[in-house]
Protein backbone atom coordinates (compact mmCIF):
# COMPACT_ATOMS: atom_id res chain seq x y z
CA MET A 1 -16.40 32.51 -0.05
CA LYS A 2 -13.17 33.38 -1.68
CA VAL A 3 -10.62 30.84 -2.80
CA ALA A 4 -7.90 32.60 -0.62
CA ASN A 5 -10.02 31.90 2.41
CA LEU A 6 -10.15 28.25 1.61
CA LEU A 7 -6.45 27.84 1.11
CA PRO A 8 -5.63 27.08 4.67
CA TYR A 9 -8.22 24.32 4.80
CA LEU A 10 -7.07 22.86 1.58
CA LEU A 11 -3.46 22.72 2.80
CA LEU A 12 -4.61 21.12 5.97
CA SER A 13 -6.53 18.46 4.10
CA LEU A 14 -3.57 17.79 1.90
CA PHE A 15 -1.22 17.29 4.87
CA VAL A 16 -3.62 15.02 6.75
CA THR A 17 -4.13 12.93 3.54
CA LEU A 18 -0.22 12.68 3.00
CA GLY A 19 0.23 11.67 6.69
CA ALA A 20 -2.42 8.97 6.35
CA GLU A 21 -0.75 7.65 3.27
CA ALA A 22 2.57 7.57 4.87
CA GLY A 23 1.06 5.64 7.77
CA ASP A 24 -0.58 3.24 5.33
CA LEU A 25 2.70 2.62 3.63
CA GLU A 26 4.42 1.89 6.89
CA ALA A 27 1.64 -0.49 7.88
CA GLY A 28 1.95 -2.20 4.52
CA LYS A 29 5.67 -2.60 5.03
CA LYS A 30 5.06 -4.10 8.40
CA ILE A 31 2.68 -6.67 6.86
CA TYR A 32 5.17 -7.46 3.98
CA THR A 33 8.14 -8.00 6.19
CA GLY A 34 6.15 -9.62 8.98
CA LYS A 35 3.38 -11.70 7.70
CA CYS A 36 4.65 -12.47 4.20
CA ALA A 37 8.30 -13.19 5.24
CA ARG A 38 7.15 -15.36 8.12
CA CYS A 39 6.05 -18.07 5.59
CA HIS A 40 8.18 -17.66 2.57
CA LYS A 41 10.94 -15.67 1.12
CA LEU A 42 10.02 -12.24 -0.25
CA ARG A 43 9.23 -12.19 -3.96
CA ASP A 44 10.39 -9.42 -6.20
CA PRO A 45 7.19 -7.82 -7.70
CA ASN A 46 9.04 -6.58 -10.69
CA LYS A 47 9.57 -10.14 -11.89
CA TYR A 48 5.82 -10.54 -12.34
CA ASP A 49 3.52 -8.66 -14.72
CA GLU A 50 0.57 -6.90 -13.07
CA ALA A 51 -2.02 -9.57 -13.76
CA ALA A 52 0.14 -12.39 -12.49
CA TRP A 53 1.01 -10.38 -9.38
CA ASP A 54 -2.60 -9.48 -8.70
CA LYS A 55 -3.64 -13.10 -9.03
CA TRP A 56 -0.90 -14.22 -6.64
CA MET A 57 -1.66 -11.56 -4.14
CA GLY A 58 -5.37 -12.52 -4.13
CA LYS A 59 -4.44 -16.05 -3.11
CA MET A 60 -1.98 -14.82 -0.49
CA ASN A 61 -4.39 -12.31 1.04
CA LYS A 62 -6.85 -15.18 1.64
CA LYS A 63 -4.13 -17.38 3.15
CA ALA A 64 -2.74 -14.69 5.47
CA LYS A 65 -6.30 -13.75 6.38
CA LEU A 66 -5.78 -10.19 5.76
CA THR A 67 -8.52 -7.65 6.21
CA ASP A 68 -9.64 -5.35 3.32
CA GLU A 69 -7.69 -2.49 4.89
CA GLN A 70 -4.55 -4.59 5.38
CA SER A 71 -4.72 -5.85 1.80
CA GLN A 72 -4.91 -2.29 0.56
CA GLN A 73 -2.11 -1.19 2.72
CA LEU A 74 0.02 -4.03 1.41
CA ALA A 75 -0.83 -3.36 -2.25
CA GLU A 76 0.02 0.27 -1.72
CA TYR A 77 3.39 -0.63 -0.24
CA ILE A 78 4.24 -3.13 -2.86
CA GLN A 79 3.49 -0.61 -5.50
CA THR A 80 6.33 1.45 -4.14
CA LEU A 81 8.62 -1.54 -4.86
CA ARG A 82 7.70 -1.81 -8.47
CA THR A 83 9.79 0.05 -11.01
CA PRO A 84 7.91 1.55 -13.95
CA LYS A 85 8.42 -0.26 -17.19
């Protein structure tokens, strides 16, 4: 099969993936502003190094009783808040 014949399928796959990621980010934002903010003020992830933030998030994921999927969505959303150093 020629690559040109595969192009429409590759583009469709890309758009579906990007759409899913956007949905995951929105779900992560809902968790962050809903579940996290319900119990405490929102922390700035830029004030923590990666290891400290990951440790903190591990504890909070358990306390909030997040599913693995919710935990992943939250982590992906929070990553968008972090500024590169």
